Each structure stands twice: as structure tokens, then as C-alpha cells.
Amino acid sequence: SRIDLPSRSLADVNQFGSSEQREARRAWLTTALRELSTGESKWSPLFRYEMPGQAGAGGESETRVPRYWTIKASLLPARDGQASAIALRVSEVTERVSDHERDQRERAKLRSQAQLRRLLADEAKAQLREQQERFQIVMTFSQLGAWELDPVTGAIECTDQCKLNLGLGSNSVLTEARLF
């Protein structure tokens, strides 16, 4: 209660958490208060606690829910002849931490999806190159020529084997008239 607070050590007031958690709080607070100047404030790192959750529907033991807190320690200037005062602001930041962790998971998921798409595209390109190489081997072995007509421009692209089969030199240009 408020009446019990004066003259008690802050470390004795808040006994929540494991001994390691209490010691971490005590160490930060001791260091922060030693380093503070009048009018200055300092924020703690995140403190994580496993808080009791609700008991399960089947009567099983309660779950433990992680909660996050930060502490802001301020050394207030003296007023009216009184000594300096210490102000502590304890803020629960669980929602902000949860949002940050969710954002990090989403980013990681998007990065892994992008990496997967890149990997699949690389594999498809490799398969296409392999199929094109096989096609060229088959075309060379069979001594078949191939040609392609662009209907818009009328230009004809053809393989060297096609030119050879038509009795043309490798530097010759195949035209529609020559082909047909």
C-alpha cells in the first residue's frame, strides 16, 4: 500500500519474478540512479516476465504468458528545501514488443517467400537452358534446319543448317521469296 512505501527499499517492494529477474532489475536501477544527474532520465532495457495466464478449459494448469516492461528512472530537482526525488515510471510494452515480433516474423516470411520464388525461377531458367541445349544437339544430329517468320516485319530467322539445306552460305540472308 502507499503507506508502506516510504522508507522501504524499492528492491524490497517489487518481488515479482525469479531471483535472476529481480537481480537484473536491481542492478540496472542501481547503475541508473548512480549515473543520473538532476533533471535527467534514463530508460531501462526490456524486462521479460512469464506472467500467470488463464487455466485451460480442461482444468489443466495455468499457462505462462510473456509480458514486457521498461522502467524510466528520473532524478527530479529539489524543491522548497527538500532533497531531490526519484521518479520511476514502469511501462508495460508487451503489445509493442508483440507487434514488433509479428512484423519481424512477417518480414522473415516475405524474405523466405522471395528467396523461394528466386530459387524456383533460377531452377526454371536452368531447366530451360538444358532443354535448349538438348534441342540444339538434336537439331545438329538430325541435320534439320529451323526457321521462324516474324509476321509483322516479314523477317526470317533461321539456323545455319537451314541455310545449308537450302544451298545458301552461312552469311546469306534468307528472304521470304528465297524460302518459298
Protein backbone atom coordinates (compact mmCIF):
# COMPACT_ATOMS: atom_id res chain seq x y z
CA SER A 1 0.00 0.00 0.00
CA ARG A 2 1.02 3.61 -0.36
CA ILE A 3 1.54 3.90 3.39
CA ASP A 4 4.03 1.03 3.36
CA LEU A 5 6.24 2.53 0.63
CA PRO A 6 8.15 5.29 2.47
CA SER A 7 11.49 4.16 3.89
CA ARG A 8 11.37 0.78 2.11
CA SER A 9 13.89 -0.22 -0.50
CA LEU A 10 12.49 -0.32 -3.99
CA ALA A 11 14.12 -3.72 -4.44
CA ASP A 12 12.07 -4.98 -1.49
CA VAL A 13 8.80 -3.54 -2.78
CA ASN A 14 8.72 -5.35 -6.13
CA GLN A 15 9.45 -9.02 -5.52
CA PHE A 16 7.88 -10.28 -8.74
CA GLY A 17 9.84 -12.63 -10.97
CA SER A 18 12.69 -15.02 -10.43
CA SER A 19 15.74 -14.11 -8.38
CA GLU A 20 17.67 -13.54 -11.63
CA GLN A 21 14.98 -11.14 -12.88
CA ARG A 22 14.90 -9.27 -9.57
CA GLU A 23 18.70 -9.04 -9.56
CA ALA A 24 18.69 -7.72 -13.17
CA ARG A 25 16.19 -5.02 -12.16
CA ARG A 26 18.18 -4.16 -9.05
CA ALA A 27 21.48 -3.96 -10.99
CA TRP A 28 20.01 -1.72 -13.70
CA LEU A 29 18.28 0.56 -11.21
CA THR A 30 21.38 0.86 -9.01
CA THR A 31 23.55 1.74 -12.00
CA ALA A 32 20.98 4.11 -13.49
CA LEU A 33 20.45 6.02 -10.23
CA ARG A 34 24.20 6.29 -9.64
CA GLU A 35 24.73 7.76 -13.14
CA LEU A 36 21.74 10.14 -13.19
CA SER A 37 22.14 13.87 -12.85
CA THR A 38 19.37 16.12 -11.57
CA GLY A 39 16.70 16.58 -14.24
CA GLU A 40 17.99 13.64 -16.30
CA SER A 41 16.07 10.46 -17.16
CA LYS A 42 17.18 7.01 -18.27
CA TRP A 43 15.19 4.11 -19.77
CA SER A 44 15.89 0.51 -18.90
CA PRO A 45 16.24 -2.34 -21.35
CA LEU A 46 13.21 -4.61 -21.75
CA PHE A 47 12.42 -6.79 -18.77
CA ARG A 48 10.59 -10.01 -19.68
CA TYR A 49 8.43 -11.89 -17.22
CA GLU A 50 6.41 -15.05 -17.55
CA MET A 51 3.09 -13.94 -16.08
CA PRO A 52 0.40 -16.41 -14.98
CA GLY A 53 -2.24 -16.77 -17.67
CA GLN A 54 -5.63 -18.40 -17.53
CA ALA A 55 -6.13 -22.02 -16.62
CA GLY A 56 -7.05 -24.27 -19.53
CA ALA A 57 -10.64 -25.30 -20.21
CA GLY A 58 -9.93 -28.90 -19.21
CA GLY A 59 -8.72 -27.86 -15.78
CA GLU A 60 -5.03 -28.19 -16.69
CA SER A 61 -2.57 -25.86 -15.02
CA GLU A 62 -2.44 -22.23 -15.99
CA THR A 63 -0.29 -21.14 -18.87
CA ARG A 64 2.57 -18.66 -18.57
CA VAL A 65 2.32 -15.58 -20.78
CA PRO A 66 5.39 -13.45 -21.57
CA ARG A 67 4.97 -9.77 -20.65
CA TYR A 68 7.47 -6.97 -21.26
CA TRP A 69 8.19 -3.88 -19.18
CA THR A 70 10.52 -0.90 -19.25
CA ILE A 71 11.39 1.46 -16.44
CA LYS A 72 12.19 5.15 -16.75
CA ALA A 73 14.19 6.50 -13.84
CA SER A 74 14.33 10.25 -13.36
CA LEU A 75 16.11 12.33 -10.76
CA LEU A 76 13.86 15.28 -10.03
CA PRO A 77 15.33 18.58 -8.86
CA ALA A 78 14.94 19.59 -5.23
CA ARG A 79 12.06 21.98 -4.42
CA ASP A 80 11.35 24.15 -1.43
CA GLY A 81 14.36 22.95 0.53
CA GLN A 82 13.54 19.27 0.09
CA ALA A 83 16.01 16.70 -1.17
CA SER A 84 15.97 15.51 -4.76
CA ALA A 85 13.33 12.90 -5.52
CA ILE A 86 13.49 9.83 -7.68
CA ALA A 87 10.61 9.18 -10.04
CA LEU A 88 10.14 5.76 -11.61
CA ARG A 89 7.79 5.14 -14.46
CA VAL A 90 7.08 1.48 -15.15
CA SER A 91 5.52 0.92 -18.56
CA GLU A 92 4.17 -2.30 -19.94
CA VAL A 93 5.26 -2.59 -23.58
CA THR A 94 4.05 -6.11 -24.31
CA GLU A 95 1.80 -5.02 -27.15
CA ARG A 96 4.55 -3.01 -28.81
CA VAL A 97 7.01 -5.92 -28.47
CA SER A 98 4.39 -8.35 -29.80
CA ASP A 99 3.74 -6.07 -32.78
CA HIS A 100 7.47 -5.81 -33.44
CA GLU A 101 7.95 -9.59 -33.20
CA ARG A 102 4.95 -10.17 -35.51
CA ASP A 103 6.39 -7.67 -38.01
CA GLN A 104 9.76 -9.43 -37.85
CA ARG A 105 8.10 -12.81 -38.47
CA GLU A 106 6.16 -11.35 -41.42
CA ARG A 107 9.33 -9.84 -42.88
CA ALA A 108 11.15 -13.15 -42.48
CA LYS A 109 8.24 -14.95 -44.12
CA LEU A 110 8.24 -12.50 -47.04
CA ARG A 111 12.03 -12.82 -47.39
CA SER A 112 11.78 -16.61 -47.43
CA GLN A 113 8.96 -16.46 -49.98
CA ALA A 114 11.03 -14.12 -52.17
CA GLN A 115 14.02 -16.44 -51.84
CA LEU A 116 11.83 -19.40 -52.78
CA ARG A 117 10.48 -17.56 -55.84
CA ARG A 118 14.04 -16.62 -56.84
CA LEU A 119 15.18 -20.23 -56.37
CA LEU A 120 12.25 -21.56 -58.43
CA ALA A 121 12.94 -19.01 -61.19
CA ASP A 122 16.64 -19.96 -61.23
CA GLU A 123 15.72 -23.65 -61.45
CA ALA A 124 13.28 -22.95 -64.29
CA LYS A 125 15.94 -20.95 -66.17
CA ALA A 126 18.45 -23.77 -65.70
CA GLN A 127 15.91 -26.32 -67.00
CA LEU A 128 15.14 -24.09 -69.98
CA ARG A 129 18.86 -23.75 -70.82
CA GLU A 130 19.27 -27.51 -70.56
CA GLN A 131 16.27 -28.11 -72.83
CA GLN A 132 17.58 -25.57 -75.35
CA GLU A 133 20.99 -27.27 -75.36
CA ARG A 134 19.35 -30.67 -75.91
CA PHE A 135 17.23 -29.22 -78.71
CA GLN A 136 20.33 -27.81 -80.41
CA ILE A 137 22.08 -31.20 -80.14
CA VAL A 138 19.07 -32.97 -81.65
CA MET A 139 18.80 -30.40 -84.44
CA THR A 140 22.50 -30.75 -85.28
CA PHE A 141 22.41 -34.54 -85.18
CA SER A 142 19.31 -34.76 -87.37
CA GLN A 143 20.66 -32.17 -89.81
CA LEU A 144 17.32 -30.41 -89.78
CA GLY A 145 17.15 -26.70 -90.16
CA ALA A 146 14.67 -24.45 -88.47
CA TRP A 147 13.33 -21.07 -89.41
CA GLU A 148 10.99 -18.53 -87.88
CA LEU A 149 8.97 -15.88 -89.68
CA ASP A 150 8.04 -12.62 -87.97
CA PRO A 151 4.61 -11.86 -89.49
CA VAL A 152 4.79 -8.16 -88.62
CA THR A 153 8.15 -7.37 -90.23
CA GLY A 154 8.41 -10.30 -92.63
CA ALA A 155 11.92 -11.02 -91.33
CA ILE A 156 13.03 -14.64 -91.27
CA GLU A 157 15.48 -16.00 -88.75
CA CYS A 158 16.98 -19.41 -89.47
CA THR A 159 19.67 -21.80 -88.35
CA ASP A 160 22.90 -22.34 -90.26
CA GLN A 161 21.73 -25.90 -91.01
CA CYS A 162 18.58 -24.50 -92.65
CA LYS A 163 20.71 -22.26 -94.88
CA LEU A 164 22.96 -25.18 -95.71
CA ASN A 165 19.94 -27.38 -96.58
CA LEU A 166 18.67 -24.62 -98.91
CA GLY A 167 22.08 -24.27 -100.55
CA LEU A 168 22.79 -20.84 -99.08
CA GLY A 169 26.02 -19.60 -97.49
CA SER A 170 26.12 -19.04 -93.74
CA ASN A 171 26.29 -15.23 -94.28
CA SER A 172 23.32 -15.19 -96.66
CA VAL A 173 20.07 -13.56 -95.68
CA LEU A 174 17.01 -15.76 -96.02
CA THR A 175 14.09 -13.89 -97.50
CA GLU A 176 10.51 -14.95 -97.94
CA ALA A 177 11.00 -15.25 -101.71
CA ARG A 178 14.08 -17.44 -101.30
CA LEU A 179 12.36 -19.64 -98.74
CA PHE A 180 9.15 -20.21 -100.67
